[in-house]
Amino acid sequence: MSHITTVVFDVGNVLIRWDPLRLYSRLFPDPAKRDWFLATICTEGWNREMDRGKAFAEGIAELVALHPEWETEIRAWDEHWHEMVPGEIPGTVAILERLRARGIPDYAITNFSREKFAVAQRRFPFLQGFRDTIVSAHERLLKPDPAIYRVLIDRNDLDPAACLFVDDSAKNVEGARSVGMAAVVFTTPERLAADLADHGIALD
């Protein structure tokens, strides 16, 4: 068993829900048209550039210029962003609160745009309680680049072997492991509680 003293969280789909389908299923009742739009216009790669640090307004404006016929739907990514983030994942937030009550150090590393992470922190105050949060847009680095994990380690003088990283992406988990962190793929709060126990952190 590894000697874990610190837990490092991803944010999207670990602590808060993130699902563009919730918004674009409303805008496109036809699932085939919705899926085409998200694969062709508001793509994952386009969104990642804002997570990498491009200003949100700039990313929207560039895409509108390329596809003016879809302006309303593109601007919805910004104007109705909250529909894509319907709420917290209560079970995981409860685990976070129990860790904090026990005094276990907690940090976060998230791929998130600068502007929308500030919005998320206001909406979900528990996101303000980490000892440090590495936001991809602030660092202009994206998971799973090993460099973004090293920012957390170096800035906070952490022993990577004492850190357990939790992320819903297997690629991001592998990125954490590449710098010496223990890491698990998040599926459910119940599985996370078991993973924590397996690494020596009991919540009871």
N, C-alpha and C. Protein backbone atom coordinates (compact mmCIF):
# COMPACT_ATOMS: atom_id res chain seq x y z
N MET A 1 0.83 -1.19 0.00
CA MET A 1 0.00 0.00 0.00
C MET A 1 0.87 1.25 0.00
N SER A 2 0.56 2.18 -0.89
CA SER A 2 1.32 3.43 -0.95
C SER A 2 0.97 4.31 0.25
N HIS A 3 1.89 5.19 0.62
CA HIS A 3 1.67 6.08 1.76
C HIS A 3 1.11 7.40 1.24
N ILE A 4 -0.20 7.46 1.14
CA ILE A 4 -0.87 8.63 0.59
C ILE A 4 -1.28 9.56 1.72
N THR A 5 -0.91 10.82 1.59
CA THR A 5 -1.30 11.83 2.58
C THR A 5 -2.13 12.95 1.98
N THR A 6 -2.17 13.04 0.64
CA THR A 6 -2.74 14.19 -0.06
C THR A 6 -3.62 13.70 -1.21
N VAL A 7 -4.78 14.35 -1.41
CA VAL A 7 -5.68 13.97 -2.50
C VAL A 7 -5.80 15.15 -3.47
N VAL A 8 -5.65 14.85 -4.75
CA VAL A 8 -5.70 15.87 -5.81
C VAL A 8 -6.88 15.54 -6.72
N PHE A 9 -7.80 16.47 -6.86
CA PHE A 9 -9.03 16.25 -7.61
C PHE A 9 -9.00 16.92 -8.98
N ASP A 10 -9.55 16.23 -9.97
CA ASP A 10 -10.07 16.89 -11.16
C ASP A 10 -11.39 17.54 -10.76
N VAL A 11 -11.91 18.44 -11.61
CA VAL A 11 -13.16 19.13 -11.27
C VAL A 11 -14.32 18.62 -12.12
N GLY A 12 -14.23 18.78 -13.45
CA GLY A 12 -15.34 18.41 -14.32
C GLY A 12 -15.61 16.91 -14.34
N ASN A 13 -16.85 16.54 -14.05
CA ASN A 13 -17.32 15.15 -14.00
C ASN A 13 -16.66 14.33 -12.90
N VAL A 14 -16.08 15.05 -11.94
CA VAL A 14 -15.66 14.44 -10.68
C VAL A 14 -16.38 15.15 -9.53
N LEU A 15 -16.30 16.48 -9.52
CA LEU A 15 -16.97 17.28 -8.49
C LEU A 15 -18.20 18.01 -9.01
N ILE A 16 -18.17 18.44 -10.26
CA ILE A 16 -19.34 19.08 -10.88
C ILE A 16 -19.61 18.42 -12.23
N ARG A 17 -20.87 18.39 -12.61
CA ARG A 17 -21.26 17.80 -13.89
C ARG A 17 -20.84 18.72 -15.04
N TRP A 18 -20.42 18.11 -16.13
CA TRP A 18 -20.10 18.85 -17.36
C TRP A 18 -20.62 18.02 -18.53
N ASP A 19 -21.63 18.52 -19.23
CA ASP A 19 -22.24 17.74 -20.30
C ASP A 19 -22.88 18.66 -21.33
N PRO A 20 -22.16 18.96 -22.44
CA PRO A 20 -22.73 19.81 -23.48
C PRO A 20 -24.03 19.26 -24.07
N LEU A 21 -24.25 17.97 -23.98
CA LEU A 21 -25.49 17.40 -24.53
C LEU A 21 -26.71 17.97 -23.85
N ARG A 22 -26.60 18.37 -22.60
CA ARG A 22 -27.76 18.92 -21.88
C ARG A 22 -28.25 20.20 -22.53
N LEU A 23 -27.36 21.03 -22.98
CA LEU A 23 -27.74 22.26 -23.68
C LEU A 23 -28.12 21.97 -25.12
N TYR A 24 -27.27 21.25 -25.82
CA TYR A 24 -27.46 21.12 -27.27
C TYR A 24 -28.56 20.13 -27.65
N SER A 25 -28.99 19.31 -26.73
CA SER A 25 -30.18 18.50 -26.98
C SER A 25 -31.43 19.38 -27.00
N ARG A 26 -31.41 20.46 -26.25
CA ARG A 26 -32.51 21.42 -26.30
C ARG A 26 -32.48 22.22 -27.60
N LEU A 27 -31.29 22.63 -28.01
CA LEU A 27 -31.16 23.45 -29.22
C LEU A 27 -31.37 22.63 -30.49
N PHE A 28 -31.01 21.34 -30.43
CA PHE A 28 -31.15 20.45 -31.59
C PHE A 28 -31.98 19.23 -31.19
N PRO A 29 -33.29 19.28 -31.33
CA PRO A 29 -34.11 18.12 -30.99
C PRO A 29 -33.75 16.85 -31.77
N ASP A 30 -33.18 17.04 -32.96
CA ASP A 30 -32.73 15.89 -33.76
C ASP A 30 -31.35 15.46 -33.27
N PRO A 31 -31.23 14.29 -32.65
CA PRO A 31 -29.93 13.86 -32.11
C PRO A 31 -28.83 13.80 -33.16
N ALA A 32 -29.16 13.43 -34.38
CA ALA A 32 -28.14 13.34 -35.42
C ALA A 32 -27.58 14.72 -35.74
N LYS A 33 -28.44 15.73 -35.81
CA LYS A 33 -27.99 17.09 -36.09
C LYS A 33 -27.18 17.64 -34.92
N ARG A 34 -27.63 17.34 -33.71
CA ARG A 34 -26.88 17.76 -32.51
C ARG A 34 -25.48 17.17 -32.51
N ASP A 35 -25.40 15.87 -32.77
CA ASP A 35 -24.10 15.20 -32.75
C ASP A 35 -23.20 15.74 -33.86
N TRP A 36 -23.78 16.02 -35.01
CA TRP A 36 -23.00 16.61 -36.11
C TRP A 36 -22.44 17.96 -35.68
N PHE A 37 -23.28 18.79 -35.07
CA PHE A 37 -22.85 20.13 -34.66
C PHE A 37 -21.69 20.05 -33.67
N LEU A 38 -21.79 19.17 -32.69
CA LEU A 38 -20.74 19.07 -31.68
C LEU A 38 -19.47 18.41 -32.21
N ALA A 39 -19.60 17.63 -33.25
CA ALA A 39 -18.42 17.01 -33.86
C ALA A 39 -17.77 17.90 -34.91
N THR A 40 -18.52 18.89 -35.42
CA THR A 40 -18.06 19.67 -36.56
C THR A 40 -17.86 21.14 -36.25
N ILE A 41 -18.69 21.73 -35.40
CA ILE A 41 -18.65 23.18 -35.15
C ILE A 41 -18.07 23.43 -33.74
N CYS A 42 -18.85 23.24 -32.71
CA CYS A 42 -18.35 23.42 -31.33
C CYS A 42 -17.67 22.12 -30.89
N THR A 43 -16.48 21.92 -31.37
CA THR A 43 -15.78 20.65 -31.17
C THR A 43 -15.01 20.62 -29.85
N GLU A 44 -14.64 19.43 -29.45
CA GLU A 44 -13.81 19.28 -28.26
C GLU A 44 -12.48 20.01 -28.43
N GLY A 45 -11.89 19.93 -29.62
CA GLY A 45 -10.62 20.61 -29.86
C GLY A 45 -10.74 22.11 -29.74
N TRP A 46 -11.84 22.66 -30.24
CA TRP A 46 -12.07 24.11 -30.12
C TRP A 46 -12.19 24.51 -28.65
N ASN A 47 -12.95 23.75 -27.88
CA ASN A 47 -13.12 24.07 -26.46
C ASN A 47 -11.80 23.94 -25.71
N ARG A 48 -10.98 22.98 -26.09
CA ARG A 48 -9.69 22.78 -25.42
C ARG A 48 -8.78 24.00 -25.58
N GLU A 49 -8.92 24.72 -26.67
CA GLU A 49 -8.08 25.91 -26.85
C GLU A 49 -8.43 26.98 -25.83
N MET A 50 -9.67 27.07 -25.44
CA MET A 50 -10.05 27.99 -24.37
C MET A 50 -9.58 27.46 -23.03
N ASP A 51 -9.62 26.14 -22.86
CA ASP A 51 -9.02 25.55 -21.66
C ASP A 51 -7.51 25.80 -21.62
N ARG A 52 -6.90 25.95 -22.81
CA ARG A 52 -5.46 26.19 -22.89
C ARG A 52 -5.10 27.65 -22.63
N GLY A 53 -6.11 28.53 -22.59
CA GLY A 53 -5.83 29.92 -22.25
C GLY A 53 -6.35 30.95 -23.21
N LYS A 54 -6.89 30.54 -24.36
CA LYS A 54 -7.48 31.52 -25.27
C LYS A 54 -8.69 32.15 -24.58
N ALA A 55 -8.83 33.46 -24.72
CA ALA A 55 -9.97 34.15 -24.11
C ALA A 55 -11.28 33.58 -24.64
N PHE A 56 -12.24 33.42 -23.77
CA PHE A 56 -13.51 32.81 -24.16
C PHE A 56 -14.17 33.64 -25.26
N ALA A 57 -14.18 34.95 -25.11
CA ALA A 57 -14.81 35.81 -26.12
C ALA A 57 -14.11 35.66 -27.47
N GLU A 58 -12.80 35.52 -27.43
CA GLU A 58 -12.04 35.35 -28.67
C GLU A 58 -12.39 34.03 -29.34
N GLY A 59 -12.47 32.97 -28.56
CA GLY A 59 -12.82 31.67 -29.13
C GLY A 59 -14.19 31.67 -29.77
N ILE A 60 -15.16 32.30 -29.10
CA ILE A 60 -16.51 32.40 -29.66
C ILE A 60 -16.50 33.22 -30.94
N ALA A 61 -15.84 34.38 -30.90
CA ALA A 61 -15.83 35.26 -32.07
C ALA A 61 -15.17 34.60 -33.27
N GLU A 62 -14.08 33.88 -33.05
CA GLU A 62 -13.41 33.20 -34.16
C GLU A 62 -14.32 32.17 -34.81
N LEU A 63 -15.05 31.43 -33.98
CA LEU A 63 -15.91 30.38 -34.54
C LEU A 63 -17.12 30.98 -35.25
N VAL A 64 -17.66 32.07 -34.71
CA VAL A 64 -18.77 32.75 -35.39
C VAL A 64 -18.33 33.27 -36.74
N ALA A 65 -17.11 33.80 -36.82
CA ALA A 65 -16.60 34.29 -38.09
C ALA A 65 -16.47 33.18 -39.12
N LEU A 66 -16.12 31.98 -38.67
CA LEU A 66 -15.99 30.84 -39.58
C LEU A 66 -17.34 30.26 -39.97
N HIS A 67 -18.31 30.33 -39.05
CA HIS A 67 -19.61 29.69 -39.28
C HIS A 67 -20.73 30.65 -38.88
N PRO A 68 -20.88 31.76 -39.59
CA PRO A 68 -21.89 32.75 -39.18
C PRO A 68 -23.32 32.21 -39.19
N GLU A 69 -23.56 31.19 -39.99
CA GLU A 69 -24.91 30.62 -40.04
C GLU A 69 -25.30 29.92 -38.73
N TRP A 70 -24.31 29.63 -37.88
CA TRP A 70 -24.55 28.96 -36.62
C TRP A 70 -24.27 29.89 -35.42
N GLU A 71 -24.35 31.19 -35.64
CA GLU A 71 -23.98 32.14 -34.59
C GLU A 71 -24.77 31.92 -33.29
N THR A 72 -26.06 31.76 -33.39
CA THR A 72 -26.88 31.61 -32.18
C THR A 72 -26.45 30.38 -31.39
N GLU A 73 -26.24 29.28 -32.08
CA GLU A 73 -25.87 28.04 -31.41
C GLU A 73 -24.46 28.10 -30.85
N ILE A 74 -23.56 28.79 -31.55
CA ILE A 74 -22.19 28.94 -31.04
C ILE A 74 -22.18 29.82 -29.80
N ARG A 75 -22.88 30.93 -29.86
CA ARG A 75 -22.90 31.83 -28.70
C ARG A 75 -23.58 31.20 -27.49
N ALA A 76 -24.42 30.21 -27.73
CA ALA A 76 -25.07 29.52 -26.61
C ALA A 76 -24.03 28.84 -25.72
N TRP A 77 -22.89 28.43 -26.29
CA TRP A 77 -21.83 27.80 -25.50
C TRP A 77 -21.38 28.73 -24.37
N ASP A 78 -21.43 30.02 -24.62
CA ASP A 78 -21.09 31.02 -23.62
C ASP A 78 -22.32 31.46 -22.84
N GLU A 79 -23.36 31.88 -23.56
CA GLU A 79 -24.51 32.52 -22.93
C GLU A 79 -25.35 31.55 -22.10
N HIS A 80 -25.33 30.27 -22.44
CA HIS A 80 -26.11 29.27 -21.70
C HIS A 80 -25.19 28.19 -21.12
N TRP A 81 -23.98 28.60 -20.79
CA TRP A 81 -22.97 27.67 -20.28
C TRP A 81 -23.48 26.90 -19.06
N HIS A 82 -24.27 27.54 -18.21
CA HIS A 82 -24.73 26.89 -16.99
C HIS A 82 -25.58 25.65 -17.28
N GLU A 83 -26.23 25.62 -18.44
CA GLU A 83 -27.02 24.43 -18.77
C GLU A 83 -26.12 23.21 -18.98
N MET A 84 -24.87 23.45 -19.37
CA MET A 84 -23.94 22.34 -19.55
C MET A 84 -23.32 21.90 -18.23
N VAL A 85 -23.53 22.68 -17.20
CA VAL A 85 -23.00 22.39 -15.86
C VAL A 85 -24.19 22.38 -14.90
N PRO A 86 -24.96 21.29 -14.89
CA PRO A 86 -26.24 21.30 -14.17
C PRO A 86 -26.11 21.27 -12.65
N GLY A 87 -24.96 20.93 -12.13
CA GLY A 87 -24.82 20.91 -10.67
C GLY A 87 -23.62 20.11 -10.22
N GLU A 88 -23.49 20.01 -8.92
CA GLU A 88 -22.40 19.25 -8.32
C GLU A 88 -22.71 17.76 -8.35
N ILE A 89 -21.69 16.95 -8.08
CA ILE A 89 -21.86 15.52 -7.87
C ILE A 89 -21.86 15.32 -6.36
N PRO A 90 -23.04 15.22 -5.75
CA PRO A 90 -23.12 15.33 -4.29
C PRO A 90 -22.23 14.34 -3.54
N GLY A 91 -22.18 13.10 -4.00
CA GLY A 91 -21.39 12.11 -3.28
C GLY A 91 -19.92 12.45 -3.23
N THR A 92 -19.39 13.01 -4.33
CA THR A 92 -17.97 13.37 -4.34
C THR A 92 -17.72 14.61 -3.48
N VAL A 93 -18.63 15.55 -3.53
CA VAL A 93 -18.47 16.73 -2.69
C VAL A 93 -18.52 16.34 -1.22
N ALA A 94 -19.36 15.37 -0.88
CA ALA A 94 -19.41 14.89 0.51
C ALA A 94 -18.07 14.28 0.92
N ILE A 95 -17.45 13.53 0.00
CA ILE A 95 -16.13 12.96 0.28
C ILE A 95 -15.11 14.08 0.49
N LEU A 96 -15.14 15.09 -0.37
CA LEU A 96 -14.23 16.23 -0.24
C LEU A 96 -14.40 16.89 1.12
N GLU A 97 -15.64 17.08 1.54
CA GLU A 97 -15.89 17.73 2.83
C GLU A 97 -15.39 16.87 3.98
N ARG A 98 -15.51 15.57 3.87
CA ARG A 98 -15.01 14.68 4.92
C ARG A 98 -13.49 14.70 4.98
N LEU A 99 -12.85 14.77 3.83
CA LEU A 99 -11.39 14.89 3.81
C LEU A 99 -10.95 16.19 4.49
N ARG A 100 -11.65 17.27 4.18
CA ARG A 100 -11.30 18.55 4.78
C ARG A 100 -11.54 18.54 6.28
N ALA A 101 -12.61 17.89 6.71
CA ALA A 101 -12.90 17.81 8.15
C ALA A 101 -11.82 17.05 8.89
N ARG A 102 -11.19 16.11 8.20
CA ARG A 102 -10.12 15.31 8.80
C ARG A 102 -8.76 15.99 8.67
N GLY A 103 -8.71 17.12 7.97
CA GLY A 103 -7.45 17.83 7.81
C GLY A 103 -6.53 17.24 6.76
N ILE A 104 -7.07 16.42 5.87
CA ILE A 104 -6.25 15.83 4.80
C ILE A 104 -6.08 16.86 3.69
N PRO A 105 -4.87 17.18 3.31
CA PRO A 105 -4.65 18.21 2.29
C PRO A 105 -5.32 17.84 0.95
N ASP A 106 -5.99 18.81 0.35
CA ASP A 106 -6.64 18.58 -0.93
C ASP A 106 -6.27 19.70 -1.91
N TYR A 107 -6.04 19.28 -3.14
CA TYR A 107 -5.66 20.18 -4.23
C TYR A 107 -6.50 19.83 -5.44
N ALA A 108 -6.39 20.66 -6.49
CA ALA A 108 -7.11 20.36 -7.73
C ALA A 108 -6.25 20.71 -8.93
N ILE A 109 -6.42 19.93 -9.99
CA ILE A 109 -5.84 20.21 -11.30
C ILE A 109 -6.98 20.05 -12.29
N THR A 110 -7.28 21.11 -13.04
CA THR A 110 -8.43 21.06 -13.92
C THR A 110 -8.15 21.70 -15.27
N ASN A 111 -8.65 21.07 -16.32
CA ASN A 111 -8.69 21.71 -17.64
C ASN A 111 -9.95 22.56 -17.69
N PHE A 112 -9.76 23.88 -17.67
CA PHE A 112 -10.91 24.79 -17.55
C PHE A 112 -10.50 26.14 -18.11
N SER A 113 -11.45 26.84 -18.74
CA SER A 113 -11.16 28.19 -19.21
C SER A 113 -11.04 29.14 -18.02
N ARG A 114 -10.29 30.20 -18.22
CA ARG A 114 -10.10 31.18 -17.14
C ARG A 114 -11.43 31.77 -16.69
N GLU A 115 -12.22 32.21 -17.68
CA GLU A 115 -13.45 32.93 -17.35
C GLU A 115 -14.48 32.01 -16.70
N LYS A 116 -14.64 30.83 -17.25
CA LYS A 116 -15.67 29.95 -16.73
C LYS A 116 -15.27 29.32 -15.40
N PHE A 117 -13.98 29.17 -15.12
CA PHE A 117 -13.61 28.66 -13.81
C PHE A 117 -13.94 29.69 -12.74
N ALA A 118 -13.76 30.96 -13.05
CA ALA A 118 -14.14 32.01 -12.08
C ALA A 118 -15.65 31.96 -11.82
N VAL A 119 -16.43 31.71 -12.87
CA VAL A 119 -17.88 31.56 -12.71
C VAL A 119 -18.20 30.34 -11.85
N ALA A 120 -17.53 29.23 -12.13
CA ALA A 120 -17.78 28.00 -11.38
C ALA A 120 -17.43 28.17 -9.90
N GLN A 121 -16.36 28.90 -9.60
CA GLN A 121 -15.99 29.11 -8.20
C GLN A 121 -17.05 29.90 -7.46
N ARG A 122 -17.66 30.87 -8.13
CA ARG A 122 -18.73 31.64 -7.49
C ARG A 122 -19.97 30.76 -7.28
N ARG A 123 -20.25 29.92 -8.24
CA ARG A 123 -21.45 29.09 -8.16
C ARG A 123 -21.28 27.92 -7.19
N PHE A 124 -20.06 27.38 -7.12
CA PHE A 124 -19.79 26.22 -6.27
C PHE A 124 -18.69 26.61 -5.28
N PRO A 125 -19.03 27.19 -4.15
CA PRO A 125 -18.02 27.73 -3.22
C PRO A 125 -16.99 26.71 -2.76
N PHE A 126 -17.33 25.41 -2.75
CA PHE A 126 -16.34 24.43 -2.31
C PHE A 126 -15.12 24.40 -3.22
N LEU A 127 -15.25 24.92 -4.44
CA LEU A 127 -14.09 24.98 -5.34
C LEU A 127 -13.06 26.01 -4.88
N GLN A 128 -13.45 26.88 -3.95
CA GLN A 128 -12.51 27.89 -3.44
C GLN A 128 -11.69 27.38 -2.26
N GLY A 129 -11.97 26.14 -1.80
CA GLY A 129 -11.35 25.68 -0.57
C GLY A 129 -10.10 24.84 -0.73
N PHE A 130 -9.67 24.59 -1.97
CA PHE A 130 -8.45 23.80 -2.16
C PHE A 130 -7.22 24.57 -1.70
N ARG A 131 -6.22 23.86 -1.24
CA ARG A 131 -4.98 24.53 -0.84
C ARG A 131 -4.31 25.20 -2.04
N ASP A 132 -4.48 24.61 -3.21
CA ASP A 132 -4.03 25.23 -4.45
C ASP A 132 -4.82 24.56 -5.58
N THR A 133 -5.12 25.33 -6.60
CA THR A 133 -5.81 24.81 -7.78
C THR A 133 -5.01 25.18 -9.02
N ILE A 134 -4.63 24.18 -9.80
CA ILE A 134 -3.93 24.41 -11.05
C ILE A 134 -4.98 24.41 -12.16
N VAL A 135 -5.21 25.57 -12.76
CA VAL A 135 -6.18 25.74 -13.83
C VAL A 135 -5.42 25.81 -15.15
N SER A 136 -5.79 24.96 -16.07
CA SER A 136 -5.04 24.85 -17.33
C SER A 136 -4.89 26.20 -18.04
N ALA A 137 -5.96 27.00 -18.07
CA ALA A 137 -5.90 28.27 -18.78
C ALA A 137 -4.91 29.23 -18.14
N HIS A 138 -4.75 29.15 -16.82
CA HIS A 138 -3.78 30.02 -16.13
C HIS A 138 -2.35 29.63 -16.50
N GLU A 139 -2.12 28.34 -16.65
CA GLU A 139 -0.77 27.84 -16.89
C GLU A 139 -0.46 27.65 -18.37
N ARG A 140 -1.50 27.71 -19.21
CA ARG A 140 -1.38 27.42 -20.65
C ARG A 140 -0.81 26.02 -20.88
N LEU A 141 -1.27 25.12 -20.05
CA LEU A 141 -0.92 23.70 -20.12
C LEU A 141 -2.20 22.89 -19.95
N LEU A 142 -2.28 21.75 -20.61
CA LEU A 142 -3.45 20.90 -20.52
C LEU A 142 -3.06 19.51 -20.02
N LYS A 143 -3.89 18.95 -19.15
CA LYS A 143 -3.75 17.52 -18.88
C LYS A 143 -4.01 16.79 -20.20
N PRO A 144 -3.29 15.72 -20.48
CA PRO A 144 -2.38 14.96 -19.61
C PRO A 144 -0.90 15.33 -19.75
N ASP A 145 -0.56 16.53 -20.21
CA ASP A 145 0.84 16.94 -20.28
C ASP A 145 1.47 16.82 -18.89
N PRO A 146 2.54 16.05 -18.74
CA PRO A 146 3.16 15.91 -17.41
C PRO A 146 3.52 17.25 -16.77
N ALA A 147 3.75 18.26 -17.59
CA ALA A 147 4.17 19.56 -17.04
C ALA A 147 3.13 20.17 -16.12
N ILE A 148 1.84 19.94 -16.39
CA ILE A 148 0.82 20.58 -15.55
C ILE A 148 0.79 19.97 -14.16
N TYR A 149 1.08 18.68 -14.07
CA TYR A 149 1.14 18.04 -12.75
C TYR A 149 2.37 18.52 -11.99
N ARG A 150 3.45 18.75 -12.73
CA ARG A 150 4.68 19.23 -12.07
C ARG A 150 4.50 20.64 -11.53
N VAL A 151 3.63 21.45 -12.15
CA VAL A 151 3.35 22.78 -11.60
C VAL A 151 2.82 22.64 -10.18
N LEU A 152 1.87 21.74 -9.99
CA LEU A 152 1.31 21.53 -8.66
C LEU A 152 2.38 21.04 -7.69
N ILE A 153 3.14 20.05 -8.12
CA ILE A 153 4.16 19.45 -7.25
C ILE A 153 5.21 20.47 -6.86
N ASP A 154 5.71 21.21 -7.85
CA ASP A 154 6.81 22.15 -7.57
C ASP A 154 6.33 23.36 -6.79
N ARG A 155 5.15 23.87 -7.13
CA ARG A 155 4.66 25.08 -6.48
C ARG A 155 4.32 24.85 -5.02
N ASN A 156 3.97 23.62 -4.69
CA ASN A 156 3.54 23.32 -3.32
C ASN A 156 4.51 22.40 -2.58
N ASP A 157 5.67 22.12 -3.22
CA ASP A 157 6.71 21.29 -2.61
C ASP A 157 6.11 19.97 -2.11
N LEU A 158 5.39 19.29 -3.03
CA LEU A 158 4.73 18.03 -2.69
C LEU A 158 5.60 16.85 -3.09
N ASP A 159 5.46 15.77 -2.35
CA ASP A 159 6.05 14.49 -2.74
C ASP A 159 5.02 13.79 -3.63
N PRO A 160 5.30 13.62 -4.92
CA PRO A 160 4.28 13.02 -5.79
C PRO A 160 3.84 11.64 -5.34
N ALA A 161 4.73 10.88 -4.73
CA ALA A 161 4.39 9.54 -4.27
C ALA A 161 3.38 9.56 -3.12
N ALA A 162 3.23 10.70 -2.48
CA ALA A 162 2.27 10.82 -1.38
C ALA A 162 0.93 11.39 -1.84
N CYS A 163 0.78 11.62 -3.15
CA CYS A 163 -0.43 12.22 -3.71
C CYS A 163 -1.26 11.18 -4.45
N LEU A 164 -2.57 11.21 -4.23
CA LEU A 164 -3.50 10.40 -5.01
C LEU A 164 -4.31 11.34 -5.89
N PHE A 165 -4.21 11.16 -7.21
CA PHE A 165 -4.91 12.00 -8.18
C PHE A 165 -6.17 11.28 -8.64
N VAL A 166 -7.28 12.03 -8.74
CA VAL A 166 -8.58 11.46 -9.10
C VAL A 166 -9.10 12.20 -10.33
N ASP A 167 -9.37 11.47 -11.42
CA ASP A 167 -9.83 12.09 -12.66
C ASP A 167 -10.72 11.10 -13.39
N ASP A 168 -11.71 11.60 -14.12
CA ASP A 168 -12.59 10.69 -14.88
C ASP A 168 -11.97 10.25 -16.19
N SER A 169 -10.84 10.84 -16.60
CA SER A 169 -10.17 10.49 -17.84
C SER A 169 -8.99 9.57 -17.59
N ALA A 170 -8.98 8.42 -18.25
CA ALA A 170 -7.86 7.49 -18.10
C ALA A 170 -6.55 8.11 -18.59
N LYS A 171 -6.61 8.92 -19.64
CA LYS A 171 -5.40 9.58 -20.15
C LYS A 171 -4.82 10.53 -19.11
N ASN A 172 -5.70 11.26 -18.42
CA ASN A 172 -5.22 12.19 -17.40
C ASN A 172 -4.64 11.46 -16.20
N VAL A 173 -5.22 10.31 -15.87
CA VAL A 173 -4.68 9.48 -14.80
C VAL A 173 -3.29 9.00 -15.17
N GLU A 174 -3.10 8.59 -16.42
CA GLU A 174 -1.77 8.15 -16.84
C GLU A 174 -0.77 9.31 -16.80
N GLY A 175 -1.23 10.51 -17.13
CA GLY A 175 -0.35 11.68 -17.04
C GLY A 175 0.15 11.89 -15.62
N ALA A 176 -0.75 11.73 -14.65
CA ALA A 176 -0.35 11.88 -13.25
C ALA A 176 0.63 10.79 -12.84
N ARG A 177 0.38 9.58 -13.27
CA ARG A 177 1.28 8.48 -12.92
C ARG A 177 2.66 8.68 -13.53
N SER A 178 2.73 9.36 -14.67
CA SER A 178 4.02 9.56 -15.33
C SER A 178 4.95 10.45 -14.52
N VAL A 179 4.40 11.23 -13.59
CA VAL A 179 5.26 12.08 -12.75
C VAL A 179 5.38 11.51 -11.34
N GLY A 180 4.92 10.27 -11.14
CA GLY A 180 5.13 9.61 -9.87
C GLY A 180 3.97 9.65 -8.90
N MET A 181 2.84 10.20 -9.32
CA MET A 181 1.68 10.24 -8.44
C MET A 181 0.91 8.92 -8.52
N ALA A 182 0.30 8.53 -7.43
CA ALA A 182 -0.72 7.48 -7.50
C ALA A 182 -1.96 8.12 -8.13
N ALA A 183 -2.74 7.33 -8.85
CA ALA A 183 -3.89 7.92 -9.53
C ALA A 183 -4.95 6.87 -9.80
N VAL A 184 -6.22 7.30 -9.75
CA VAL A 184 -7.35 6.41 -10.01
C VAL A 184 -8.33 7.09 -10.94
N VAL A 185 -9.01 6.27 -11.75
CA VAL A 185 -10.06 6.77 -12.63
C VAL A 185 -11.36 6.88 -11.83
N PHE A 186 -11.97 8.05 -11.85
CA PHE A 186 -13.23 8.26 -11.14
C PHE A 186 -14.38 7.69 -11.96
N THR A 187 -15.24 6.91 -11.30
CA THR A 187 -16.47 6.42 -11.93
C THR A 187 -17.68 6.82 -11.10
N THR A 188 -17.64 6.51 -9.80
CA THR A 188 -18.73 6.88 -8.89
C THR A 188 -18.13 7.29 -7.55
N PRO A 189 -18.89 8.06 -6.75
CA PRO A 189 -18.40 8.39 -5.42
C PRO A 189 -18.13 7.15 -4.56
N GLU A 190 -18.96 6.14 -4.71
CA GLU A 190 -18.77 4.92 -3.93
C GLU A 190 -17.44 4.24 -4.28
N ARG A 191 -17.12 4.20 -5.56
CA ARG A 191 -15.85 3.61 -5.97
C ARG A 191 -14.69 4.47 -5.48
N LEU A 192 -14.85 5.78 -5.50
CA LEU A 192 -13.79 6.66 -5.00
C LEU A 192 -13.55 6.41 -3.52
N ALA A 193 -14.61 6.27 -2.74
CA ALA A 193 -14.42 5.99 -1.31
C ALA A 193 -13.63 4.70 -1.11
N ALA A 194 -13.93 3.70 -1.93
CA ALA A 194 -13.19 2.43 -1.84
C ALA A 194 -11.74 2.62 -2.27
N ASP A 195 -11.51 3.41 -3.32
CA ASP A 195 -10.14 3.66 -3.76
C ASP A 195 -9.34 4.39 -2.69
N LEU A 196 -9.97 5.35 -2.03
CA LEU A 196 -9.30 6.06 -0.95
C LEU A 196 -8.91 5.08 0.17
N ALA A 197 -9.86 4.22 0.52
CA ALA A 197 -9.57 3.23 1.57
C ALA A 197 -8.44 2.32 1.16
N ASP A 198 -8.40 1.94 -0.12
CA ASP A 198 -7.32 1.08 -0.61
C ASP A 198 -5.96 1.75 -0.48
N HIS A 199 -5.97 3.08 -0.51
CA HIS A 199 -4.71 3.84 -0.40
C HIS A 199 -4.49 4.37 1.02
N GLY A 200 -5.25 3.82 1.96
CA GLY A 200 -4.98 4.13 3.36
C GLY A 200 -5.72 5.33 3.91
N ILE A 201 -6.72 5.85 3.16
CA ILE A 201 -7.49 6.99 3.65
C ILE A 201 -8.92 6.53 3.86
N ALA A 202 -9.25 6.20 5.10
CA ALA A 202 -10.61 5.79 5.45
C ALA A 202 -11.42 7.03 5.79
N LEU A 203 -12.65 7.08 5.31
CA LEU A 203 -13.50 8.26 5.52
C LEU A 203 -14.33 8.15 6.79
N ASP A 204 -14.45 6.97 7.37
CA ASP A 204 -15.27 6.80 8.57
C ASP A 204 -14.46 7.09 9.82
